[in-house]
Amino acid sequence: MRENDCNSNPVFYYAIRTITMSGEDAPAQQQKAEDQKQETKTTEQPKAESKQESQPATEAPAASATATAAEKPPEEEVFTYRSLVLSGHGGYDKVKLQVKKGKPTPKNGEVLVRVKACGLNFADLMGRQGLYDRLPSPPVTPGMECSGVIEAVGEEVTDRKVGDRVLVLHRFGMWQEVVTVIAGHTFLMPEGMSFEEAAALPVNYVTAYMMLFEFGNLRPNQSVLVHMAAGGVGIAATQLCHTVKDVTVFGTASASKHEAISQGGVTHPIDYRTRDYVEEVRKINPKGLDIALDPLGGSDTHKAFNLLKPMGKLITYGAANMLTGQRKNLLAVAKTWYNQFSINALSLMHANKSVCGYHLGHLDDEPELISQVVAKLLELYGQGKIKPRVDSTWHFEQVGDAMRRMQERNNIGKVILLPEPKKEEPKKEEDKKEEKKEEPKKEENKKEEKQEEPKKE
């Protein structure tokens, strides 16, 4: 192609010119691009350095945070306390040991008590079987009495202070390491009284005192029938009878307990398992009794009423005949209710006798009356005229064994529950020697088992 042709065509000329120029200028443009890249690299390096320099700044807050975290005091441990809870009605296994969280706070007029000992009563056994109306439905913590030390005092409490040793009487909920109760339900323990004795006093002695003196009007030279004379109420009633001059006490109990109850003040112990106590009383007192205390119910209430002399008093305060095993016995319940004592007013008038019913659980609204009785009992304790007899003490872990002991009538006196954990007994030297002897045998057995494994395969 000729040059003139190229010049004559401006578009073609421009394309050729552009190609030649781009070929010639390419090295220069590449050099410029490389220079630009180097410049960008040099400009990026300070940025990277600035990032590296800025890292300590970001690490500083983290370090300060860890320092402040280290300076913070450790969180307070959650307050826990041991409690026995009735999970349902039935056998001994229905009362379970639980650990509750959160420290109870006393409200106005209340105090917080660190419990040292709790009392076990027949009402607790009946409540476990669903036979005690004053215990709320499960799950619930049983227990009507305890003793301990006041740890906190609510507002408007003026007659109690932290550190006071007290015994407590309440409707339920006392089988715990700590309890909050109305200050008026606590009573200061006298000097020399142990926590076990204090826990054994409220229910049994208040019951016995009010029956004998409020209802019975016990006077010198009278006679009293005390059933279950080796139990908590039985021993309390016997001791209180002897605060009055020349009172004769007839006490029913199994033969193995006669020596103990005789030493405690029972004038005529009667083995109810082998003898008819009605006949035994009639042999000694043909005219009958002045006072009969009946915790049994059913046919025994009829017998007690018939044993009364004119102007005699029958005081019924329980239905122990319904309790025949671990669980509710419907036949025993039905039999007791079928044989329930009843009498019309005219017959009562003609007999010149009185019938009284006593239930401590239904005296919640009489705190002043209860306080007066407890004050009198503590006065008698201080004079040495009464003294609770503790049969045995059981830790919360052993509550099933404690209930079994009482329900099978093996106790002489009060059965006490202890909130503190049971300590593991140190092993005896003989046990340690036996364990050492057994260790080589165990190792030989393991070797034999390893040798037999390939044979089995």
Protein backbone atom coordinates (compact mmCIF):
# COMPACT_ATOMS: atom_id res chain seq x y z
CA MET A 1 0.00 0.00 0.00
CA ARG A 2 1.30 3.35 -0.91
CA GLU A 3 1.83 6.21 1.46
CA ASN A 4 -0.47 8.43 -0.47
CA ASP A 5 -3.23 5.88 -0.09
CA CYS A 6 -2.65 5.90 3.62
CA ASN A 7 -2.76 9.63 3.77
CA SER A 8 -5.82 9.73 1.62
CA ASN A 9 -7.68 7.58 4.13
CA PRO A 10 -7.59 9.42 7.49
CA VAL A 11 -9.17 6.60 9.48
CA PHE A 12 -6.66 4.07 8.30
CA TYR A 13 -3.85 6.50 8.88
CA TYR A 14 -4.97 7.13 12.44
CA ALA A 15 -5.11 3.40 13.21
CA ILE A 16 -1.59 2.80 11.92
CA ARG A 17 -0.32 5.79 13.82
CA THR A 18 -1.91 4.56 17.03
CA ILE A 19 -0.38 1.09 16.65
CA THR A 20 3.12 2.43 16.09
CA MET A 21 2.84 4.84 18.91
CA SER A 22 1.56 2.20 21.31
CA GLY A 23 4.47 -0.06 20.39
CA GLU A 24 7.00 2.66 20.94
CA ASP A 25 5.50 3.99 24.15
CA ALA A 26 4.89 0.58 25.81
CA PRO A 27 8.20 0.39 27.72
CA ALA A 28 7.65 3.86 29.09
CA GLN A 29 4.12 3.04 30.18
CA GLN A 30 5.31 -0.21 31.82
CA GLN A 31 7.98 1.76 33.65
CA LYS A 32 5.35 4.23 34.82
CA ALA A 33 3.11 1.36 36.05
CA GLU A 34 6.03 -0.20 37.92
CA ASP A 35 6.84 3.16 39.48
CA GLN A 36 3.20 3.57 40.49
CA LYS A 37 3.22 0.08 42.05
CA GLN A 38 6.35 0.90 44.03
CA GLU A 39 4.75 4.12 45.18
CA THR A 40 1.63 2.28 46.29
CA LYS A 41 3.82 -0.26 48.10
CA THR A 42 5.71 2.47 49.87
CA THR A 43 2.44 4.16 50.78
CA GLU A 44 0.96 0.81 52.00
CA GLN A 45 3.97 0.00 54.21
CA PRO A 46 3.36 2.91 56.59
CA LYS A 47 -0.29 1.83 56.80
CA ALA A 48 0.78 -1.66 57.82
CA GLU A 49 3.18 -0.17 60.32
CA SER A 50 0.42 2.04 61.60
CA LYS A 51 -1.72 -1.08 62.04
CA GLN A 52 1.06 -2.76 63.96
CA GLU A 53 1.43 0.33 66.07
CA SER A 54 -2.31 0.42 66.68
CA GLN A 55 -2.42 -3.22 67.95
CA PRO A 56 -1.11 -2.34 71.42
CA ALA A 57 -3.88 0.23 71.64
CA THR A 58 -6.51 -2.49 70.98
CA GLU A 59 -4.79 -4.89 73.35
CA ALA A 60 -4.76 -2.28 76.11
CA PRO A 61 -8.54 -2.41 76.81
CA ALA A 62 -8.42 -6.23 76.90
CA ALA A 63 -5.57 -6.16 79.38
CA SER A 64 -7.38 -3.61 81.49
CA ALA A 65 -10.54 -5.75 81.35
CA THR A 66 -8.65 -8.80 82.58
CA ALA A 67 -7.05 -6.68 85.28
CA THR A 68 -10.43 -5.38 86.43
CA ALA A 69 -11.84 -8.92 86.31
CA ALA A 70 -8.97 -10.09 88.48
CA GLU A 71 -9.57 -7.21 90.87
CA LYS A 72 -13.30 -8.07 91.23
CA PRO A 73 -14.07 -10.05 94.41
CA PRO A 74 -15.31 -13.61 93.83
CA GLU A 75 -19.07 -14.03 93.71
CA GLU A 76 -20.69 -15.02 96.99
CA GLU A 77 -21.55 -18.67 97.36
CA VAL A 78 -25.25 -19.50 97.16
CA PHE A 79 -26.67 -20.22 100.61
CA THR A 80 -27.94 -23.78 100.90
CA TYR A 81 -29.58 -25.69 103.72
CA ARG A 82 -30.73 -29.25 104.32
CA SER A 83 -34.42 -30.02 104.57
CA LEU A 84 -36.55 -33.14 104.98
CA VAL A 85 -39.46 -33.14 102.53
CA LEU A 86 -42.49 -35.42 102.43
CA SER A 87 -42.71 -36.15 98.71
CA GLY A 88 -45.94 -38.17 98.91
CA HIS A 89 -48.01 -40.33 101.22
CA GLY A 90 -46.71 -43.81 101.94
CA GLY A 91 -43.75 -45.57 103.55
CA TYR A 92 -40.57 -44.36 105.20
CA ASP A 93 -38.95 -43.65 101.84
CA LYS A 94 -41.44 -40.86 101.13
CA VAL A 95 -39.53 -38.51 103.44
CA LYS A 96 -36.50 -37.39 101.43
CA LEU A 97 -33.48 -35.27 102.27
CA GLN A 98 -33.16 -32.28 99.94
CA VAL A 99 -30.82 -29.29 99.68
CA LYS A 100 -32.63 -25.98 99.24
CA LYS A 101 -31.08 -22.75 97.92
CA GLY A 102 -31.48 -19.23 99.21
CA LYS A 103 -31.34 -18.03 102.78
CA PRO A 104 -34.80 -17.43 104.29
CA THR A 105 -35.40 -13.86 105.40
CA PRO A 106 -37.52 -13.16 108.49
CA LYS A 107 -40.49 -10.89 107.89
CA ASN A 108 -41.97 -8.42 110.35
CA GLY A 109 -42.43 -10.13 113.69
CA GLU A 110 -40.39 -13.19 112.67
CA VAL A 111 -36.98 -14.62 113.56
CA LEU A 112 -34.54 -16.86 111.70
CA VAL A 113 -33.44 -19.87 113.73
CA ARG A 114 -30.44 -22.12 113.07
CA VAL A 115 -31.91 -25.50 114.03
CA LYS A 116 -29.89 -27.83 116.25
CA ALA A 117 -32.44 -30.58 117.00
CA CYS A 118 -35.97 -31.56 115.93
CA GLY A 119 -38.64 -33.67 117.58
CA LEU A 120 -40.35 -36.67 115.96
CA ASN A 121 -44.00 -37.12 116.94
CA PHE A 122 -46.78 -39.60 116.26
CA ALA A 123 -48.52 -36.90 114.25
CA ASP A 124 -45.55 -36.92 111.85
CA LEU A 125 -45.97 -40.67 111.31
CA MET A 126 -49.67 -40.24 110.62
CA GLY A 127 -48.97 -37.28 108.35
CA ARG A 128 -46.66 -39.45 106.26
CA GLN A 129 -49.60 -41.77 105.59
CA GLY A 130 -52.03 -38.94 104.90
CA LEU A 131 -53.90 -39.39 108.20
CA TYR A 132 -53.07 -36.03 109.82
CA ASP A 133 -55.31 -33.17 108.71
CA ARG A 134 -53.07 -30.33 109.93
CA LEU A 135 -50.20 -31.17 107.56
CA PRO A 136 -50.57 -29.61 104.08
CA SER A 137 -50.45 -31.80 100.98
CA PRO A 138 -47.03 -32.97 99.72
CA PRO A 139 -44.47 -31.80 98.91
CA VAL A 140 -44.12 -30.32 102.39
CA THR A 141 -41.60 -30.24 105.22
CA PRO A 142 -43.02 -31.90 108.38
CA GLY A 143 -42.00 -31.20 111.96
CA MET A 144 -43.86 -29.39 114.73
CA GLU A 145 -41.00 -28.59 117.08
CA CYS A 146 -37.29 -27.82 117.14
CA SER A 147 -34.59 -26.01 119.09
CA GLY A 148 -31.73 -23.82 117.98
CA VAL A 149 -30.10 -20.39 117.95
CA ILE A 150 -31.56 -17.16 116.53
CA GLU A 151 -29.45 -15.87 113.62
CA ALA A 152 -31.56 -12.95 112.44
CA VAL A 153 -34.44 -10.86 113.73
CA GLY A 154 -37.16 -9.20 111.66
CA GLU A 155 -38.60 -5.77 112.23
CA GLU A 156 -40.93 -5.17 115.16
CA VAL A 157 -39.30 -7.99 117.18
CA THR A 158 -38.26 -6.56 120.54
CA ASP A 159 -38.10 -9.54 122.92
CA ARG A 160 -35.68 -11.71 120.92
CA LYS A 161 -32.12 -11.07 119.76
CA VAL A 162 -29.42 -12.76 117.71
CA GLY A 163 -27.74 -15.50 119.72
CA ASP A 164 -30.75 -16.44 121.85
CA ARG A 165 -31.14 -20.18 122.44
CA VAL A 166 -34.78 -21.05 121.84
CA LEU A 167 -37.21 -23.93 121.54
CA VAL A 168 -39.84 -23.60 118.83
CA LEU A 169 -43.43 -24.86 118.51
CA HIS A 170 -45.02 -24.51 115.09
CA ARG A 171 -47.67 -26.24 113.00
CA PHE A 172 -45.21 -27.78 110.47
CA GLY A 173 -41.96 -27.13 108.59
CA MET A 174 -39.42 -27.52 111.41
CA TRP A 175 -37.33 -30.36 109.90
CA GLN A 176 -34.80 -27.99 108.32
CA GLU A 177 -31.38 -26.54 109.09
CA VAL A 178 -32.84 -23.03 109.20
CA VAL A 179 -36.43 -21.90 109.75
CA THR A 180 -38.30 -18.61 109.93
CA VAL A 181 -41.08 -18.48 112.52
CA ILE A 182 -43.19 -15.95 114.35
CA ALA A 183 -41.22 -14.70 117.34
CA GLY A 184 -44.16 -15.59 119.61
CA HIS A 185 -43.69 -19.26 118.68
CA THR A 186 -40.21 -19.29 120.22
CA PHE A 187 -39.37 -19.69 123.90
CA LEU A 188 -36.07 -18.99 125.61
CA MET A 189 -34.29 -22.10 126.80
CA PRO A 190 -33.35 -22.23 130.48
CA GLU A 191 -29.74 -22.62 131.58
CA GLY A 192 -28.50 -26.17 131.48
CA MET A 193 -31.07 -27.44 128.98
CA SER A 194 -29.60 -29.25 125.98
CA PHE A 195 -30.90 -28.72 122.44
CA GLU A 196 -32.09 -32.34 122.40
CA GLU A 197 -34.10 -31.84 125.60
CA ALA A 198 -35.51 -28.57 124.26
CA ALA A 199 -36.70 -30.27 121.07
CA ALA A 200 -38.31 -33.03 123.17
CA LEU A 201 -40.37 -30.68 125.34
CA PRO A 202 -42.93 -28.59 123.40
CA VAL A 203 -45.39 -31.04 121.82
CA ASN A 204 -45.30 -33.84 124.42
CA TYR A 205 -45.26 -31.77 127.59
CA VAL A 206 -47.74 -29.12 126.42
CA THR A 207 -50.12 -31.94 125.42
CA ALA A 208 -49.73 -33.79 128.74
CA TYR A 209 -50.00 -30.64 130.86
CA MET A 210 -53.14 -29.30 129.20
CA MET A 211 -54.89 -32.67 129.40
CA LEU A 212 -54.05 -33.30 133.05
CA PHE A 213 -54.51 -29.79 134.43
CA GLU A 214 -56.70 -27.82 132.00
CA PHE A 215 -59.17 -30.65 131.29
CA GLY A 216 -58.45 -33.17 134.04
CA ASN A 217 -58.04 -30.80 136.99
CA LEU A 218 -55.67 -33.32 138.54
CA ARG A 219 -55.65 -33.27 142.34
CA PRO A 220 -53.93 -35.26 145.13
CA ASN A 221 -54.87 -38.92 145.70
CA GLN A 222 -56.34 -39.38 142.23
CA SER A 223 -55.65 -42.17 139.71
CA VAL A 224 -54.67 -41.79 136.05
CA LEU A 225 -54.46 -44.25 133.14
CA VAL A 226 -51.60 -43.49 130.73
CA HIS A 227 -51.49 -45.52 127.52
CA MET A 228 -48.17 -45.87 125.66
CA ALA A 229 -46.46 -44.95 128.92
CA ALA A 230 -42.95 -45.32 127.42
CA GLY A 231 -43.61 -42.80 124.64
CA GLY A 232 -42.99 -39.05 124.66
CA VAL A 233 -46.43 -38.03 125.93
CA GLY A 234 -46.55 -41.02 128.28
CA ILE A 235 -43.30 -40.10 130.05
CA ALA A 236 -44.31 -36.42 130.16
CA ALA A 237 -47.70 -37.27 131.70
CA THR A 238 -46.12 -39.58 134.29
CA GLN A 239 -43.65 -36.88 135.39
CA LEU A 240 -46.38 -34.26 135.58
CA CYS A 241 -48.60 -36.57 137.64
CA HIS A 242 -45.86 -36.68 140.24
CA THR A 243 -45.89 -32.91 140.61
CA VAL A 244 -49.13 -33.56 142.52
CA LYS A 245 -49.10 -35.45 145.80
CA ASP A 246 -50.04 -39.17 145.95
CA VAL A 247 -51.23 -39.68 142.37
CA THR A 248 -51.48 -43.32 141.22
CA VAL A 249 -50.39 -43.95 137.61
CA PHE A 250 -51.44 -47.01 135.62
CA GLY A 251 -49.21 -47.29 132.56
CA THR A 252 -49.53 -49.66 129.59
CA ALA A 253 -46.37 -50.74 127.77
CA SER A 254 -44.65 -53.90 126.56
CA ALA A 255 -42.95 -55.99 129.28
CA SER A 256 -39.44 -55.01 128.12
CA LYS A 257 -40.17 -51.38 129.07
CA HIS A 258 -41.65 -51.95 132.52
CA GLU A 259 -38.44 -51.39 134.41
CA ALA A 260 -37.86 -48.04 132.67
CA ILE A 261 -41.39 -46.72 133.18
CA SER A 262 -41.44 -47.91 136.80
CA GLN A 263 -38.26 -45.95 137.48
CA GLY A 264 -39.92 -42.99 135.74
CA GLY A 265 -42.87 -43.00 138.12
CA VAL A 266 -45.50 -45.47 136.80
CA THR A 267 -47.11 -47.08 139.84
CA HIS A 268 -48.65 -50.07 138.06
CA PRO A 269 -47.11 -51.07 134.70
CA ILE A 270 -49.37 -53.29 132.57
CA ASP A 271 -48.30 -55.40 129.60
CA TYR A 272 -51.11 -54.72 127.14
CA ARG A 273 -49.85 -57.47 124.81
CA THR A 274 -50.39 -60.31 127.26
CA ARG A 275 -52.93 -58.94 129.74
CA ASP A 276 -56.28 -57.19 129.65
CA TYR A 277 -55.54 -53.76 131.08
CA VAL A 278 -59.22 -53.26 132.03
CA GLU A 279 -59.11 -56.30 134.29
CA GLU A 280 -55.76 -55.28 135.77
CA VAL A 281 -57.04 -51.81 136.65
CA ARG A 282 -60.24 -53.25 138.18
CA LYS A 283 -58.24 -55.62 140.37
CA ILE A 284 -56.35 -52.71 141.94
CA ASN A 285 -59.02 -49.98 141.73
CA PRO A 286 -62.46 -51.62 141.74
CA LYS A 287 -64.22 -48.26 141.63
CA GLY A 288 -62.25 -47.19 138.56
CA LEU A 289 -60.17 -44.20 137.51
CA ASP A 290 -60.35 -40.46 137.93
CA ILE A 291 -58.67 -39.65 134.61
CA ALA A 292 -58.06 -41.74 131.49
CA LEU A 293 -55.82 -40.44 128.69
CA ASP A 294 -56.66 -42.11 125.38
CA PRO A 295 -54.34 -41.80 122.36
CA LEU A 296 -55.57 -45.05 120.76
CA GLY A 297 -59.13 -44.50 119.58
CA GLY A 298 -61.63 -47.11 118.44
CA SER A 299 -62.66 -49.78 120.95
CA ASP A 300 -60.07 -48.58 123.48
CA THR A 301 -62.01 -45.34 123.92
CA HIS A 302 -65.07 -47.36 125.00
CA LYS A 303 -62.92 -49.28 127.50
CA ALA A 304 -61.44 -46.09 128.93
CA PHE A 305 -64.88 -44.54 129.41
CA ASN A 306 -66.16 -47.64 131.19
CA LEU A 307 -63.13 -47.58 133.51
CA LEU A 308 -64.02 -44.12 134.84
CA LYS A 309 -65.52 -43.77 138.30
CA PRO A 310 -68.31 -41.21 138.85
CA MET A 311 -67.01 -37.69 138.17
CA GLY A 312 -64.20 -39.23 136.13
CA LYS A 313 -62.83 -37.65 132.95
CA LEU A 314 -61.93 -39.25 129.62
CA ILE A 315 -59.55 -37.19 127.48
CA THR A 316 -59.04 -38.50 123.95
CA TYR A 317 -56.16 -37.08 121.92
CA GLY A 318 -55.25 -39.52 119.13
CA ALA A 319 -56.06 -42.51 116.96
CA ALA A 320 -52.89 -44.58 117.08
CA ASN A 321 -54.83 -47.76 116.34
CA MET A 322 -55.06 -46.63 112.71
CA LEU A 323 -51.28 -46.82 112.36
CA THR A 324 -50.38 -50.48 111.84
CA GLY A 325 -47.62 -50.45 109.22
CA GLN A 326 -45.47 -48.33 106.89
CA ARG A 327 -48.38 -47.46 104.63
CA LYS A 328 -52.01 -46.63 105.23
CA ASN A 329 -53.97 -49.70 106.28
CA LEU A 330 -57.51 -49.11 105.05
CA LEU A 331 -58.84 -52.02 107.12
CA ALA A 332 -57.33 -50.57 110.33
CA VAL A 333 -58.69 -47.12 109.47
CA ALA A 334 -62.15 -48.50 108.79
CA LYS A 335 -62.12 -50.60 111.97
CA THR A 336 -61.11 -47.62 114.11
CA TRP A 337 -63.80 -45.40 112.64
CA TYR A 338 -66.42 -48.12 112.93
CA ASN A 339 -65.63 -48.55 116.63
CA GLN A 340 -65.48 -44.82 117.21
CA PHE A 341 -66.88 -43.85 120.59
CA SER A 342 -70.07 -41.83 120.71
CA ILE A 343 -72.54 -41.02 123.47
CA ASN A 344 -75.57 -38.77 123.79
CA ALA A 345 -75.80 -35.98 126.30
CA LEU A 346 -78.48 -37.68 128.38
CA SER A 347 -76.40 -40.85 128.89
CA LEU A 348 -73.40 -38.69 129.77
CA MET A 349 -75.42 -36.84 132.37
CA HIS A 350 -76.69 -40.07 133.93
CA ALA A 351 -73.14 -41.51 134.06
CA ASN A 352 -71.76 -38.45 135.84
CA LYS A 353 -68.71 -38.55 133.61
CA SER A 354 -67.09 -36.12 131.17
CA VAL A 355 -65.48 -36.66 127.77
CA CYS A 356 -62.92 -34.20 126.41
CA GLY A 357 -61.09 -34.01 123.11
CA TYR A 358 -57.63 -32.47 122.75
CA HIS A 359 -55.74 -31.57 119.55
CA LEU A 360 -52.69 -29.33 119.86
CA GLY A 361 -52.62 -28.77 116.10
CA HIS A 362 -55.92 -26.90 116.29
CA LEU A 363 -54.71 -24.41 118.92
CA ASP A 364 -52.86 -22.21 116.40
CA ASP A 365 -55.05 -19.25 117.31
CA GLU A 366 -54.31 -19.50 121.03
CA PRO A 367 -50.69 -18.32 121.33
CA GLU A 368 -51.22 -16.73 124.75
CA LEU A 369 -52.62 -19.96 126.19
CA ILE A 370 -49.74 -22.00 124.78
CA SER A 371 -47.20 -19.45 126.04
CA GLN A 372 -48.58 -19.66 129.56
CA VAL A 373 -48.31 -23.46 129.53
CA VAL A 374 -44.75 -23.42 128.17
CA ALA A 375 -43.74 -20.87 130.82
CA LYS A 376 -45.11 -23.16 133.52
CA LEU A 377 -43.29 -26.17 132.06
CA LEU A 378 -39.97 -24.33 131.89
CA GLU A 379 -40.46 -23.32 135.51
CA LEU A 380 -41.00 -26.98 136.45
CA TYR A 381 -37.89 -27.90 134.48
CA GLY A 382 -35.89 -25.31 136.37
CA GLN A 383 -37.14 -26.79 139.63
CA GLY A 384 -36.02 -30.26 138.54
CA LYS A 385 -39.56 -31.67 138.62
CA ILE A 386 -39.68 -32.60 134.94
CA LYS A 387 -36.93 -33.61 132.54
CA PRO A 388 -37.46 -34.83 128.96
CA ARG A 389 -36.08 -38.29 128.32
CA VAL A 390 -34.33 -38.62 124.97
CA ASP A 391 -34.52 -42.14 123.58
CA SER A 392 -32.20 -41.71 120.61
CA THR A 393 -30.84 -39.17 118.10
CA TRP A 394 -30.78 -39.64 114.34
CA HIS A 395 -29.29 -37.50 111.58
CA PHE A 396 -31.53 -36.33 108.74
CA GLU A 397 -30.05 -39.07 106.55
CA GLN A 398 -31.46 -41.64 109.01
CA VAL A 399 -35.02 -40.30 109.20
CA GLY A 400 -36.44 -43.59 107.87
CA ASP A 401 -34.79 -45.57 110.67
CA ALA A 402 -35.98 -43.02 113.23
CA MET A 403 -39.58 -43.30 112.06
CA ARG A 404 -39.38 -47.09 112.03
CA ARG A 405 -38.11 -47.13 115.60
CA MET A 406 -41.03 -45.05 116.80
CA GLN A 407 -43.72 -46.72 114.70
CA GLU A 408 -42.67 -50.19 115.85
CA ARG A 409 -42.90 -48.98 119.47
CA ASN A 410 -39.22 -49.60 120.23
CA ASN A 411 -38.51 -46.20 121.78
CA ILE A 412 -38.49 -45.27 125.46
CA GLY A 413 -38.79 -41.49 125.43
CA LYS A 414 -38.34 -38.99 122.64
CA VAL A 415 -36.86 -39.69 119.21
CA ILE A 416 -34.77 -36.71 118.04
CA LEU A 417 -33.62 -35.72 114.53
CA LEU A 418 -30.35 -33.81 114.00
CA PRO A 419 -29.97 -31.51 110.96
CA GLU A 420 -26.16 -31.63 110.88
CA PRO A 421 -24.66 -34.11 108.36
CA LYS A 422 -23.65 -37.48 109.67
CA LYS A 423 -19.89 -37.75 110.05
CA GLU A 424 -18.15 -40.74 108.55
CA GLU A 425 -16.82 -42.97 111.27
CA PRO A 426 -13.08 -43.72 111.03
CA LYS A 427 -12.35 -47.28 110.05
CA LYS A 428 -11.17 -49.56 112.77
CA GLU A 429 -7.73 -51.18 112.58
CA GLU A 430 -9.34 -54.61 112.19
CA ASP A 431 -11.30 -53.41 109.14
CA LYS A 432 -8.13 -51.92 107.63
CA LYS A 433 -6.26 -55.22 108.14
CA GLU A 434 -9.05 -57.15 106.48
CA GLU A 435 -9.02 -54.75 103.51
CA LYS A 436 -5.24 -55.23 103.15
CA LYS A 437 -5.73 -59.01 103.22
CA GLU A 438 -8.40 -58.78 100.52
CA GLU A 439 -6.29 -56.62 98.17
CA PRO A 440 -3.95 -59.48 97.04
CA LYS A 441 -7.00 -61.68 96.42
CA LYS A 442 -8.56 -58.97 94.26
CA GLU A 443 -5.35 -58.63 92.23
CA GLU A 444 -5.18 -62.43 91.72
CA ASN A 445 -8.79 -62.45 90.55
CA LYS A 446 -8.05 -59.69 88.06
CA LYS A 447 -5.04 -61.65 86.67
CA GLU A 448 -7.16 -64.79 86.31
CA GLU A 449 -9.84 -62.83 84.48
CA LYS A 450 -7.24 -61.43 82.04
CA GLN A 451 -5.87 -64.93 81.40
CA GLU A 452 -9.34 -66.30 80.75
CA GLU A 453 -10.27 -63.59 78.24
CA PRO A 454 -8.17 -65.00 75.32
CA LYS A 455 -9.58 -68.48 75.98
CA LYS A 456 -13.12 -67.18 75.69
CA GLU A 457 -12.28 -65.47 72.38
